[in-house]
């Protein structure tokens, strides 16, 4: 089941579970706190971005991502996520047929083992 077919609440839970270590006890307070932090992050970034962003380890809380220390990292990842190439700046290259003495046509079939190993 893809995350697009899930409800927004369930998508947020999966995102939190992917980024943060979920404790074994006091889950009610944990989910309330982390949902609040995720919604704060969602106000700055999009939920689609937060679903795919990755980090080398799972953090104890989303407060690390809200903090100023990781804000520059999150902003850099956000810019990379939203980057679109402006193709109007570049001339298109039209690749023609290959030529040269080392060119082997695609319809070439070797007739012997010697021809194959050339």
PDB file of N, CA and C in Angstrom:
ATOM      1  N   UNK A   1       0.839  -1.173   0.000  1.00  0.00           N
ATOM      2  CA  UNK A   1       0.000   0.000   0.000  1.00  0.00           C
ATOM      3  C   UNK A   1       0.888   1.242   0.000  1.00  0.00           C
ATOM      4  N   UNK A   2       0.666   2.101  -0.945  1.00  0.00           N
ATOM      5  CA  UNK A   2       1.491   3.300  -1.030  1.00  0.00           C
ATOM      6  C   UNK A   2       1.040   4.330  -0.019  1.00  0.00           C
ATOM      7  N   UNK A   3       1.949   5.240   0.295  1.00  0.00           N
ATOM      8  CA  UNK A   3       1.630   6.245   1.303  1.00  0.00           C
ATOM      9  C   UNK A   3       0.648   7.279   0.789  1.00  0.00           C
ATOM     10  N   UNK A   4       0.447   7.374  -0.522  1.00  0.00           N
ATOM     11  CA  UNK A   4      -0.503   8.341  -1.072  1.00  0.00           C
ATOM     12  C   UNK A   4      -1.944   7.936  -0.779  1.00  0.00           C
ATOM     13  N   UNK A   5      -2.211   6.644  -0.614  1.00  0.00           N
ATOM     14  CA  UNK A   5      -3.566   6.174  -0.371  1.00  0.00           C
ATOM     15  C   UNK A   5      -3.945   6.211   1.106  1.00  0.00           C
ATOM     16  N   UNK A   6      -2.990   6.516   1.970  1.00  0.00           N
ATOM     17  CA  UNK A   6      -3.255   6.571   3.404  1.00  0.00           C
ATOM     18  C   UNK A   6      -3.811   7.937   3.789  1.00  0.00           C
ATOM     19  N   UNK A   7      -4.438   7.990   4.944  1.00  0.00           N
ATOM     20  CA  UNK A   7      -4.923   9.269   5.451  1.00  0.00           C
ATOM     21  C   UNK A   7      -3.735  10.129   5.869  1.00  0.00           C
ATOM     22  N   UNK A   8      -3.898  11.448   5.916  1.00  0.00           N
ATOM     23  CA  UNK A   8      -2.775  12.299   6.321  1.00  0.00           C
ATOM     24  C   UNK A   8      -2.235  11.958   7.711  1.00  0.00           C
ATOM     25  N   UNK A   9      -3.125  11.588   8.635  1.00  0.00           N
ATOM     26  CA  UNK A   9      -2.681  11.236   9.989  1.00  0.00           C
ATOM     27  C   UNK A   9      -1.785   9.995   9.953  1.00  0.00           C
ATOM     28  N   UNK A  10      -2.191   8.993   9.195  1.00  0.00           N
ATOM     29  CA  UNK A  10      -1.409   7.757   9.101  1.00  0.00           C
ATOM     30  C   UNK A  10      -0.080   8.017   8.395  1.00  0.00           C
ATOM     31  N   UNK A  11      -0.092   8.894   7.387  1.00  0.00           N
ATOM     32  CA  UNK A  11       1.144   9.254   6.695  1.00  0.00           C
ATOM     33  C   UNK A  11       2.108   9.946   7.652  1.00  0.00           C
ATOM     34  N   UNK A  12       1.567  10.801   8.544  1.00  0.00           N
ATOM     35  CA  UNK A  12       2.414  11.472   9.534  1.00  0.00           C
ATOM     36  C   UNK A  12       3.006  10.461  10.512  1.00  0.00           C
ATOM     37  N   UNK A  13       2.203   9.491  10.938  1.00  0.00           N
ATOM     38  CA  UNK A  13       2.701   8.474  11.859  1.00  0.00           C
ATOM     39  C   UNK A  13       3.833   7.667  11.234  1.00  0.00           C
ATOM     40  N   UNK A  14       3.689   7.299   9.971  1.00  0.00           N
ATOM     41  CA  UNK A  14       4.746   6.547   9.295  1.00  0.00           C
ATOM     42  C   UNK A  14       6.005   7.389   9.139  1.00  0.00           C
ATOM     43  N   UNK A  15       5.842   8.681   8.885  1.00  0.00           N
ATOM     44  CA  UNK A  15       6.984   9.575   8.755  1.00  0.00           C
ATOM     45  C   UNK A  15       7.727   9.691  10.077  1.00  0.00           C
ATOM     46  N   UNK A  16       6.984   9.855  11.155  1.00  0.00           N
ATOM     47  CA  UNK A  16       7.607   9.942  12.484  1.00  0.00           C
ATOM     48  C   UNK A  16       8.313   8.632  12.820  1.00  0.00           C
ATOM     49  N   UNK A  17       7.669   7.512  12.536  1.00  0.00           N
ATOM     50  CA  UNK A  17       8.275   6.215  12.809  1.00  0.00           C
ATOM     51  C   UNK A  17       9.548   5.981  12.007  1.00  0.00           C
ATOM     52  N   UNK A  18       9.647   6.586  10.834  1.00  0.00           N
ATOM     53  CA  UNK A  18      10.831   6.422  10.002  1.00  0.00           C
ATOM     54  C   UNK A  18      11.974   7.305  10.462  1.00  0.00           C
ATOM     55  N   UNK A  19      11.674   8.490  11.006  1.00  0.00           N
ATOM     56  CA  UNK A  19      12.708   9.442  11.394  1.00  0.00           C
ATOM     57  C   UNK A  19      13.124   9.345  12.859  1.00  0.00           C
ATOM     58  N   UNK A  20      12.244   8.817  13.719  1.00  0.00           N
ATOM     59  CA  UNK A  20      12.452   8.883  15.165  1.00  0.00           C
ATOM     60  C   UNK A  20      12.315   7.496  15.775  1.00  0.00           C
ATOM     61  N   UNK A  21      13.078   7.248  16.839  1.00  0.00           N
ATOM     62  CA  UNK A  21      12.940   6.013  17.611  1.00  0.00           C
ATOM     63  C   UNK A  21      11.666   6.110  18.451  1.00  0.00           C
ATOM     64  N   UNK A  22      10.748   5.181  18.258  1.00  0.00           N
ATOM     65  CA  UNK A  22       9.495   5.174  19.013  1.00  0.00           C
ATOM     66  C   UNK A  22       9.728   4.440  20.328  1.00  0.00           C
ATOM     67  N   UNK A  23       9.411   5.083  21.466  1.00  0.00           N
ATOM     68  CA  UNK A  23       9.662   4.428  22.766  1.00  0.00           C
ATOM     69  C   UNK A  23       8.660   3.307  23.035  1.00  0.00           C
ATOM     70  N   UNK A  24       9.027   2.439  23.948  1.00  0.00           N
ATOM     71  CA  UNK A  24       8.142   1.339  24.320  1.00  0.00           C
ATOM     72  C   UNK A  24       7.102   1.763  25.347  1.00  0.00           C
ATOM     73  N   UNK A  25       7.411   2.800  26.143  1.00  0.00           N
ATOM     74  CA  UNK A  25       6.476   3.273  27.163  1.00  0.00           C
ATOM     75  C   UNK A  25       6.131   4.732  26.899  1.00  0.00           C
ATOM     76  N   UNK A  26       5.060   5.190  27.507  1.00  0.00           N
ATOM     77  CA  UNK A  26       4.573   6.568  27.404  1.00  0.00           C
ATOM     78  C   UNK A  26       4.393   7.000  25.949  1.00  0.00           C
ATOM     79  N   UNK A  27       3.740   6.158  25.188  1.00  0.00           N
ATOM     80  CA  UNK A  27       3.559   6.435  23.768  1.00  0.00           C
ATOM     81  C   UNK A  27       2.582   7.586  23.526  1.00  0.00           C
ATOM     82  N   UNK A  28       1.612   7.745  24.401  1.00  0.00           N
ATOM     83  CA  UNK A  28       0.610   8.797  24.188  1.00  0.00           C
ATOM     84  C   UNK A  28       1.257  10.174  24.197  1.00  0.00           C
ATOM     85  N   UNK A  29       2.121  10.442  25.155  1.00  0.00           N
ATOM     86  CA  UNK A  29       2.810  11.735  25.228  1.00  0.00           C
ATOM     87  C   UNK A  29       3.794  11.894  24.069  1.00  0.00           C
ATOM     88  N   UNK A  30       4.429  10.786  23.709  1.00  0.00           N
ATOM     89  CA  UNK A  30       5.372  10.808  22.601  1.00  0.00           C
ATOM     90  C   UNK A  30       4.680  11.211  21.302  1.00  0.00           C
ATOM     91  N   UNK A  31       3.557  10.544  20.986  1.00  0.00           N
ATOM     92  CA  UNK A  31       2.872  10.826  19.719  1.00  0.00           C
ATOM     93  C   UNK A  31       2.299  12.231  19.704  1.00  0.00           C
ATOM     94  N   UNK A  32       1.815  12.712  20.829  1.00  0.00           N
ATOM     95  CA  UNK A  32       1.280  14.081  20.875  1.00  0.00           C
ATOM     96  C   UNK A  32       2.385  15.096  20.615  1.00  0.00           C
ATOM     97  N   UNK A  33       3.518  14.924  21.267  1.00  0.00           N
ATOM     98  CA  UNK A  33       4.642  15.847  21.100  1.00  0.00           C
ATOM     99  C   UNK A  33       5.196  15.796  19.674  1.00  0.00           C
ATOM    100  N   UNK A  34       5.385  14.592  19.160  1.00  0.00           N
ATOM    101  CA  UNK A  34       5.990  14.450  17.832  1.00  0.00           C
ATOM    102  C   UNK A  34       5.036  14.908  16.725  1.00  0.00           C
ATOM    103  N   UNK A  35       3.731  14.703  16.897  1.00  0.00           N
ATOM    104  CA  UNK A  35       2.767  15.206  15.907  1.00  0.00           C
ATOM    105  C   UNK A  35       2.799  16.727  15.856  1.00  0.00           C
ATOM    106  N   UNK A  36       2.915  17.351  17.027  1.00  0.00           N
ATOM    107  CA  UNK A  36       2.994  18.819  17.078  1.00  0.00           C
ATOM    108  C   UNK A  36       4.249  19.295  16.347  1.00  0.00           C
ATOM    109  N   UNK A  37       5.384  18.652  16.616  1.00  0.00           N
ATOM    110  CA  UNK A  37       6.633  19.041  15.958  1.00  0.00           C
ATOM    111  C   UNK A  37       6.588  18.779  14.457  1.00  0.00           C
ATOM    112  N   UNK A  38       5.969  17.669  14.055  1.00  0.00           N
ATOM    113  CA  UNK A  38       5.871  17.369  12.632  1.00  0.00           C
ATOM    114  C   UNK A  38       4.979  18.385  11.915  1.00  0.00           C
ATOM    115  N   UNK A  39       3.921  18.810  12.570  1.00  0.00           N
ATOM    116  CA  UNK A  39       3.056  19.824  11.957  1.00  0.00           C
ATOM    117  C   UNK A  39       3.774  21.164  11.857  1.00  0.00           C
ATOM    118  N   UNK A  40       4.645  21.465  12.821  1.00  0.00           N
ATOM    119  CA  UNK A  40       5.472  22.678  12.716  1.00  0.00           C
ATOM    120  C   UNK A  40       6.428  22.570  11.530  1.00  0.00           C
ATOM    121  N   UNK A  41       7.032  21.396  11.371  1.00  0.00           N
ATOM    122  CA  UNK A  41       7.908  21.176  10.216  1.00  0.00           C
ATOM    123  C   UNK A  41       7.126  21.203   8.910  1.00  0.00           C
ATOM    124  N   UNK A  42       5.915  20.696   8.966  1.00  0.00           N
ATOM    125  CA  UNK A  42       5.064  20.659   7.773  1.00  0.00           C
ATOM    126  C   UNK A  42       4.627  22.066   7.348  1.00  0.00           C
ATOM    127  N   UNK A  43       4.582  22.995   8.297  1.00  0.00           N
ATOM    128  CA  UNK A  43       4.271  24.383   7.948  1.00  0.00           C
ATOM    129  C   UNK A  43       5.424  25.007   7.168  1.00  0.00           C
ATOM    130  N   UNK A  44       6.643  24.602   7.446  1.00  0.00           N
ATOM    131  CA  UNK A  44       7.812  25.129   6.757  1.00  0.00           C
ATOM    132  C   UNK A  44       8.108  24.345   5.480  1.00  0.00           C
ATOM    133  N   UNK A  45       7.969  23.030   5.535  1.00  0.00           N
ATOM    134  CA  UNK A  45       8.219  22.154   4.396  1.00  0.00           C
ATOM    135  C   UNK A  45       6.921  21.429   4.071  1.00  0.00           C
ATOM    136  N   UNK A  46       6.911  20.564   3.086  1.00  0.00           N
ATOM    137  CA  UNK A  46       5.697  19.825   2.752  1.00  0.00           C
ATOM    138  C   UNK A  46       5.759  18.413   3.336  1.00  0.00           C
ATOM    139  N   UNK A  47       4.594  17.794   3.469  1.00  0.00           N
ATOM    140  CA  UNK A  47       4.539  16.425   3.986  1.00  0.00           C
ATOM    141  C   UNK A  47       5.195  15.461   2.999  1.00  0.00           C
ATOM    142  N   UNK A  48       5.063  15.723   1.694  1.00  0.00           N
ATOM    143  CA  UNK A  48       5.703  14.869   0.688  1.00  0.00           C
ATOM    144  C   UNK A  48       7.222  14.882   0.861  1.00  0.00           C
ATOM    145  N   UNK A  49       7.770  16.058   1.150  1.00  0.00           N
ATOM    146  CA  UNK A  49       9.215  16.164   1.379  1.00  0.00           C
ATOM    147  C   UNK A  49       9.608  15.429   2.649  1.00  0.00           C
ATOM    148  N   UNK A  50       8.848  15.608   3.714  1.00  0.00           N
ATOM    149  CA  UNK A  50       9.185  14.969   4.989  1.00  0.00           C
ATOM    150  C   UNK A  50       9.063  13.449   4.910  1.00  0.00           C
ATOM    151  N   UNK A  51       8.233  12.951   3.993  1.00  0.00           N
ATOM    152  CA  UNK A  51       8.105  11.502   3.838  1.00  0.00           C
ATOM    153  C   UNK A  51       9.337  10.884   3.182  1.00  0.00           C
ATOM    154  N   UNK A  52      10.074  11.651   2.384  1.00  0.00           N
ATOM    155  CA  UNK A  52      11.213  11.055   1.680  1.00  0.00           C
ATOM    156  C   UNK A  52      12.563  11.503   2.214  1.00  0.00           C
ATOM    157  N   UNK A  53      12.601  12.519   3.074  1.00  0.00           N
ATOM    158  CA  UNK A  53      13.886  12.999   3.587  1.00  0.00           C
ATOM    159  C   UNK A  53      14.522  11.908   4.440  1.00  0.00           C
ATOM    160  N   UNK A  54      15.845  11.777   4.319  1.00  0.00           N
ATOM    161  CA  UNK A  54      16.542  10.737   5.068  1.00  0.00           C
ATOM    162  C   UNK A  54      17.695  11.340   5.856  1.00  0.00           C
ATOM    163  N   UNK A  55      18.056  10.665   6.920  1.00  0.00           N
ATOM    164  CA  UNK A  55      19.179  11.047   7.763  1.00  0.00           C
ATOM    165  C   UNK A  55      19.957   9.788   8.093  1.00  0.00           C
ATOM    166  N   UNK A  56      21.227   9.936   8.469  1.00  0.00           N
ATOM    167  CA  UNK A  56      22.036   8.733   8.713  1.00  0.00           C
ATOM    168  C   UNK A  56      21.580   7.892   9.903  1.00  0.00           C
ATOM    169  N   UNK A  57      20.852   8.478  10.825  1.00  0.00           N
ATOM    170  CA  UNK A  57      20.396   7.705  11.987  1.00  0.00           C
ATOM    171  C   UNK A  57      19.007   8.174  12.388  1.00  0.00           C
ATOM    172  N   UNK A  58      18.360   7.374  13.252  1.00  0.00           N
ATOM    173  CA  UNK A  58      17.077   7.769  13.809  1.00  0.00           C
ATOM    174  C   UNK A  58      17.339   8.629  15.044  1.00  0.00           C
ATOM    175  N   UNK A  59      16.649   9.749  15.129  1.00  0.00           N
ATOM    176  CA  UNK A  59      16.822  10.648  16.266  1.00  0.00           C
ATOM    177  C   UNK A  59      15.870  10.269  17.395  1.00  0.00           C
ATOM    178  N   UNK A  60      16.124  10.824  18.586  1.00  0.00           N
ATOM    179  CA  UNK A  60      15.247  10.568  19.721  1.00  0.00           C
ATOM    180  C   UNK A  60      13.949  11.350  19.599  1.00  0.00           C
ATOM    181  N   UNK A  61      14.011  12.514  18.950  1.00  0.00           N
ATOM    182  CA  UNK A  61      12.830  13.356  18.801  1.00  0.00           C
ATOM    183  C   UNK A  61      12.981  14.226  17.563  1.00  0.00           C
ATOM    184  N   UNK A  62      11.874  14.760  17.097  1.00  0.00           N
ATOM    185  CA  UNK A  62      11.902  15.676  15.958  1.00  0.00           C
ATOM    186  C   UNK A  62      12.410  17.063  16.343  1.00  0.00           C
ATOM    187  N   UNK A  63      12.663  17.275  17.631  1.00  0.00           N
ATOM    188  CA  UNK A  63      13.194  18.576  18.049  1.00  0.00           C
ATOM    189  C   UNK A  63      14.562  18.833  17.422  1.00  0.00           C
ATOM    190  N   UNK A  64      15.294  17.781  17.093  1.00  0.00           N
ATOM    191  CA  UNK A  64      16.567  17.953  16.390  1.00  0.00           C
ATOM    192  C   UNK A  64      16.355  18.609  15.029  1.00  0.00           C
ATOM    193  N   UNK A  65      15.304  18.204  14.341  1.00  0.00           N
ATOM    194  CA  UNK A  65      15.041  18.753  13.012  1.00  0.00           C
ATOM    195  C   UNK A  65      14.491  20.168  13.072  1.00  0.00           C
ATOM    196  N   UNK A  66      13.822  20.507  14.172  1.00  0.00           N
ATOM    197  CA  UNK A  66      13.284  21.858  14.340  1.00  0.00           C
ATOM    198  C   UNK A  66      14.378  22.821  14.789  1.00  0.00           C
ATOM    199  N   UNK A  67      15.419  22.292  15.431  1.00  0.00           N
ATOM    200  CA  UNK A  67      16.461  23.138  16.007  1.00  0.00           C
ATOM    201  C   UNK A  67      17.249  23.877  14.925  1.00  0.00           C
ATOM    202  N   UNK A  68      17.964  24.918  15.359  1.00  0.00           N
ATOM    203  CA  UNK A  68      18.748  25.733  14.439  1.00  0.00           C
ATOM    204  C   UNK A  68      19.947  24.979  13.868  1.00  0.00           C
ATOM    205  N   UNK A  69      20.429  23.965  14.570  1.00  0.00           N
ATOM    206  CA  UNK A  69      21.598  23.223  14.107  1.00  0.00           C
ATOM    207  C   UNK A  69      21.318  22.475  12.806  1.00  0.00           C
ATOM    208  N   UNK A  70      20.146  21.880  12.696  1.00  0.00           N
ATOM    209  CA  UNK A  70      19.806  21.125  11.496  1.00  0.00           C
ATOM    210  C   UNK A  70      18.922  21.908  10.524  1.00  0.00           C
ATOM    211  N   UNK A  71      18.621  23.157  10.850  1.00  0.00           N
ATOM    212  CA  UNK A  71      17.779  23.961   9.957  1.00  0.00           C
ATOM    213  C   UNK A  71      18.462  24.172   8.614  1.00  0.00           C
ATOM    214  N   UNK A  72      19.775  24.425   8.624  1.00  0.00           N
ATOM    215  CA  UNK A  72      20.485  24.634   7.355  1.00  0.00           C
ATOM    216  C   UNK A  72      20.509  23.350   6.524  1.00  0.00           C
ATOM    217  N   UNK A  73      20.652  22.199   7.181  1.00  0.00           N
ATOM    218  CA  UNK A  73      20.630  20.923   6.474  1.00  0.00           C
ATOM    219  C   UNK A  73      19.259  20.665   5.874  1.00  0.00           C
ATOM    220  N   UNK A  74      18.215  20.935   6.643  1.00  0.00           N
ATOM    221  CA  UNK A  74      16.853  20.745   6.137  1.00  0.00           C
ATOM    222  C   UNK A  74      16.567  21.702   4.981  1.00  0.00           C
ATOM    223  N   UNK A  75      17.028  22.952   5.101  1.00  0.00           N
ATOM    224  CA  UNK A  75      16.812  23.910   4.013  1.00  0.00           C
ATOM    225  C   UNK A  75      17.538  23.480   2.743  1.00  0.00           C
ATOM    226  N   UNK A  76      18.748  22.954   2.887  1.00  0.00           N
ATOM    227  CA  UNK A  76      19.498  22.480   1.723  1.00  0.00           C
ATOM    228  C   UNK A  76      18.785  21.307   1.063  1.00  0.00           C
ATOM    229  N   UNK A  77      18.297  20.375   1.874  1.00  0.00           N
ATOM    230  CA  UNK A  77      17.559  19.232   1.332  1.00  0.00           C
ATOM    231  C   UNK A  77      16.247  19.683   0.691  1.00  0.00           C
ATOM    232  N   UNK A  78      15.611  20.704   1.258  1.00  0.00           N
ATOM    233  CA  UNK A  78      14.363  21.244   0.709  1.00  0.00           C
ATOM    234  C   UNK A  78      14.611  21.884  -0.653  1.00  0.00           C
ATOM    235  N   UNK A  79      15.720  22.622  -0.773  1.00  0.00           N
ATOM    236  CA  UNK A  79      16.059  23.241  -2.060  1.00  0.00           C
ATOM    237  C   UNK A  79      16.368  22.179  -3.107  1.00  0.00           C
ATOM    238  N   UNK A  80      17.064  21.129  -2.724  1.00  0.00           N
ATOM    239  CA  UNK A  80      17.339  20.033  -3.658  1.00  0.00           C
ATOM    240  C   UNK A  80      16.065  19.319  -4.082  1.00  0.00           C
ATOM    241  N   UNK A  81      15.122  19.184  -3.164  1.00  0.00           N
ATOM    242  CA  UNK A  81      13.845  18.531  -3.453  1.00  0.00           C
ATOM    243  C   UNK A  81      13.043  19.346  -4.462  1.00  0.00           C
ATOM    244  N   UNK A  82      13.087  20.664  -4.361  1.00  0.00           N
ATOM    245  CA  UNK A  82      12.286  21.533  -5.222  1.00  0.00           C
ATOM    246  C   UNK A  82      13.020  22.023  -6.466  1.00  0.00           C
ATOM    247  N   UNK A  83      14.250  21.591  -6.678  1.00  0.00           N
ATOM    248  CA  UNK A  83      15.039  22.092  -7.802  1.00  0.00           C
ATOM    249  C   UNK A  83      14.465  21.623  -9.127  1.00  0.00           C
ATOM    250  N   UNK A  84      14.299  22.565 -10.046  1.00  0.00           N
ATOM    251  CA  UNK A  84      13.857  22.269 -11.405  1.00  0.00           C
ATOM    252  C   UNK A  84      14.882  22.859 -12.362  1.00  0.00           C
ATOM    253  N   UNK A  85      15.309  22.085 -13.334  1.00  0.00           N
ATOM    254  CA  UNK A  85      16.293  22.542 -14.308  1.00  0.00           C
ATOM    255  C   UNK A  85      15.589  23.394 -15.352  1.00  0.00           C
ATOM    256  N   UNK A  86      16.157  24.573 -15.639  1.00  0.00           N
ATOM    257  CA  UNK A  86      15.627  25.450 -16.671  1.00  0.00           C
ATOM    258  C   UNK A  86      16.273  25.058 -17.996  1.00  0.00           C
ATOM    259  N   UNK A  87      15.563  24.283 -18.792  1.00  0.00           N
ATOM    260  CA  UNK A  87      16.121  23.760 -20.030  1.00  0.00           C
ATOM    261  C   UNK A  87      16.236  24.818 -21.116  1.00  0.00           C
ATOM    262  N   UNK A  88      15.611  25.974 -20.917  1.00  0.00           N
ATOM    263  CA  UNK A  88      15.699  27.018 -21.937  1.00  0.00           C
ATOM    264  C   UNK A  88      17.097  27.640 -21.990  1.00  0.00           C
ATOM    265  N   UNK A  89      17.897  27.474 -20.966  1.00  0.00           N
ATOM    266  CA  UNK A  89      19.256  28.019 -20.930  1.00  0.00           C
ATOM    267  C   UNK A  89      20.233  27.208 -21.777  1.00  0.00           C
ATOM    268  N   UNK A  90      19.893  25.981 -22.084  1.00  0.00           N
ATOM    269  CA  UNK A  90      20.821  25.073 -22.731  1.00  0.00           C
ATOM    270  C   UNK A  90      20.363  24.741 -24.142  1.00  0.00           C
ATOM    271  N   UNK A  91      21.326  24.642 -25.052  1.00  0.00           N
ATOM    272  CA  UNK A  91      21.029  24.235 -26.416  1.00  0.00           C
ATOM    273  C   UNK A  91      20.835  22.724 -26.440  1.00  0.00           C
ATOM    274  N   UNK A  92      19.820  22.252 -27.166  1.00  0.00           N
ATOM    275  CA  UNK A  92      19.642  20.796 -27.245  1.00  0.00           C
ATOM    276  C   UNK A  92      20.665  20.181 -28.191  1.00  0.00           C
ATOM    277  N   UNK A  93      21.180  19.031 -27.815  1.00  0.00           N
ATOM    278  CA  UNK A  93      22.114  18.296 -28.650  1.00  0.00           C
ATOM    279  C   UNK A  93      21.357  17.184 -29.351  1.00  0.00           C
ATOM    280  N   UNK A  94      21.479  17.132 -30.649  1.00  0.00           N
ATOM    281  CA  UNK A  94      20.852  16.066 -31.424  1.00  0.00           C
ATOM    282  C   UNK A  94      21.951  15.088 -31.805  1.00  0.00           C
ATOM    283  N   UNK A  95      21.866  13.915 -31.275  1.00  0.00           N
ATOM    284  CA  UNK A  95      22.879  12.902 -31.533  1.00  0.00           C
ATOM    285  C   UNK A  95      22.564  12.207 -32.850  1.00  0.00           C
ATOM    286  N   UNK A  96      23.524  12.197 -33.753  1.00  0.00           N
ATOM    287  CA  UNK A  96      23.353  11.541 -35.037  1.00  0.00           C
ATOM    288  C   UNK A  96      23.894  10.136 -35.002  1.00  0.00           C
ATOM    289  N   UNK A  97      24.073   9.588 -36.178  1.00  0.00           N
ATOM    290  CA  UNK A  97      24.622   8.246 -36.303  1.00  0.00           C
ATOM    291  C   UNK A  97      26.100   8.257 -35.929  1.00  0.00           C
ATOM    292  N   UNK A  98      26.544   7.253 -35.222  1.00  0.00           N
ATOM    293  CA  UNK A  98      27.948   7.169 -34.837  1.00  0.00           C
ATOM    294  C   UNK A  98      28.800   6.837 -36.061  1.00  0.00           C
ATOM    295  N   UNK A  99      30.002   7.374 -36.048  1.00  0.00           N
ATOM    296  CA  UNK A  99      30.930   7.101 -37.147  1.00  0.00           C
ATOM    297  C   UNK A  99      32.317   6.882 -36.579  1.00  0.00           C
ATOM    298  N   UNK A 100      33.237   6.442 -37.420  1.00  0.00           N
ATOM    299  CA  UNK A 100      34.608   6.236 -36.994  1.00  0.00           C
ATOM    300  C   UNK A 100      35.049   4.823 -37.275  1.00  0.00           C
ATOM    301  N   UNK A 101      36.370   4.617 -37.164  1.00  0.00           N
ATOM    302  CA  UNK A 101      36.901   3.296 -37.506  1.00  0.00           C
ATOM    303  C   UNK A 101      36.600   2.249 -36.435  1.00  0.00           C
ATOM    304  N   UNK A 102      36.327   2.666 -35.183  1.00  0.00           N
ATOM    305  CA  UNK A 102      36.019   1.696 -34.139  1.00  0.00           C
ATOM    306  C   UNK A 102      34.514   1.466 -33.973  1.00  0.00           C
ATOM    307  N   UNK A 103      33.700   2.065 -34.834  1.00  0.00           N
ATOM    308  CA  UNK A 103      32.245   1.925 -34.747  1.00  0.00           C
ATOM    309  C   UNK A 103      31.814   0.552 -35.238  1.00  0.00           C
ATOM    310  N   UNK A 104      31.008  -0.131 -34.438  1.00  0.00           N
ATOM    311  CA  UNK A 104      30.444  -1.421 -34.818  1.00  0.00           C
ATOM    312  C   UNK A 104      28.942  -1.229 -34.952  1.00  0.00           C
ATOM    313  N   UNK A 105      28.371  -1.467 -36.109  1.00  0.00           N
ATOM    314  CA  UNK A 105      26.925  -1.279 -36.280  1.00  0.00           C
ATOM    315  C   UNK A 105      26.131  -2.196 -35.348  1.00  0.00           C
ATOM    316  N   UNK A 106      24.932  -1.760 -34.986  1.00  0.00           N
ATOM    317  CA  UNK A 106      24.121  -2.544 -34.052  1.00  0.00           C
ATOM    318  C   UNK A 106      23.595  -3.817 -34.687  1.00  0.00           C
ATOM    319  N   UNK A 107      23.490  -3.859 -36.005  1.00  0.00           N
ATOM    320  CA  UNK A 107      22.994  -5.060 -36.670  1.00  0.00           C
ATOM    321  C   UNK A 107      24.138  -6.017 -37.038  1.00  0.00           C
ATOM    322  N   UNK A 108      25.346  -5.766 -36.533  1.00  0.00           N
ATOM    323  CA  UNK A 108      26.515  -6.600 -36.808  1.00  0.00           C
ATOM    324  C   UNK A 108      26.432  -7.883 -36.002  1.00  0.00           C
ATOM    325  N   UNK A 109      26.545  -9.015 -36.699  1.00  0.00           N
ATOM    326  CA  UNK A 109      26.582 -10.316 -36.034  1.00  0.00           C
ATOM    327  C   UNK A 109      27.854 -11.027 -36.469  1.00  0.00           C
ATOM    328  N   UNK A 110      28.707 -11.412 -35.529  1.00  0.00           N
ATOM    329  CA  UNK A 110      29.957 -12.075 -35.896  1.00  0.00           C
ATOM    330  C   UNK A 110      29.671 -13.452 -36.509  1.00  0.00           C
ATOM    331  N   UNK A 111      30.472 -13.777 -37.528  1.00  0.00           N
ATOM    332  CA  UNK A 111      30.289 -15.044 -38.222  1.00  0.00           C
ATOM    333  C   UNK A 111      31.116 -16.166 -37.620  1.00  0.00           C
ATOM    334  N   UNK A 112      32.158 -15.786 -36.884  1.00  0.00           N
ATOM    335  CA  UNK A 112      33.001 -16.797 -36.260  1.00  0.00           C
ATOM    336  C   UNK A 112      33.431 -16.298 -34.881  1.00  0.00           C
ATOM    337  N   UNK A 113      34.071 -17.179 -34.112  1.00  0.00           N
ATOM    338  CA  UNK A 113      34.557 -16.812 -32.782  1.00  0.00           C
ATOM    339  C   UNK A 113      35.641 -15.773 -32.887  1.00  0.00           C
ATOM    340  N   UNK A 114      36.445 -15.867 -33.931  1.00  0.00           N
ATOM    341  CA  UNK A 114      37.507 -14.879 -34.155  1.00  0.00           C
ATOM    342  C   UNK A 114      36.924 -13.480 -34.358  1.00  0.00           C
ATOM    343  N   UNK A 115      35.830 -13.372 -35.127  1.00  0.00           N
ATOM    344  CA  UNK A 115      35.174 -12.096 -35.329  1.00  0.00           C
ATOM    345  C   UNK A 115      34.544 -11.578 -34.039  1.00  0.00           C
ATOM    346  N   UNK A 116      34.053 -12.478 -33.202  1.00  0.00           N
ATOM    347  CA  UNK A 116      33.440 -12.090 -31.941  1.00  0.00           C
ATOM    348  C   UNK A 116      34.449 -11.483 -30.982  1.00  0.00           C
ATOM    349  N   UNK A 117      35.658 -11.984 -30.961  1.00  0.00           N
ATOM    350  CA  UNK A 117      36.659 -11.537 -30.009  1.00  0.00           C
ATOM    351  C   UNK A 117      37.492 -10.369 -30.508  1.00  0.00           C
ATOM    352  N   UNK A 118      37.167  -9.800 -31.650  1.00  0.00           N
ATOM    353  CA  UNK A 118      37.902  -8.632 -32.166  1.00  0.00           C
ATOM    354  C   UNK A 118      37.708  -7.441 -31.274  1.00  0.00           C
TER     355      UNK A 118
END
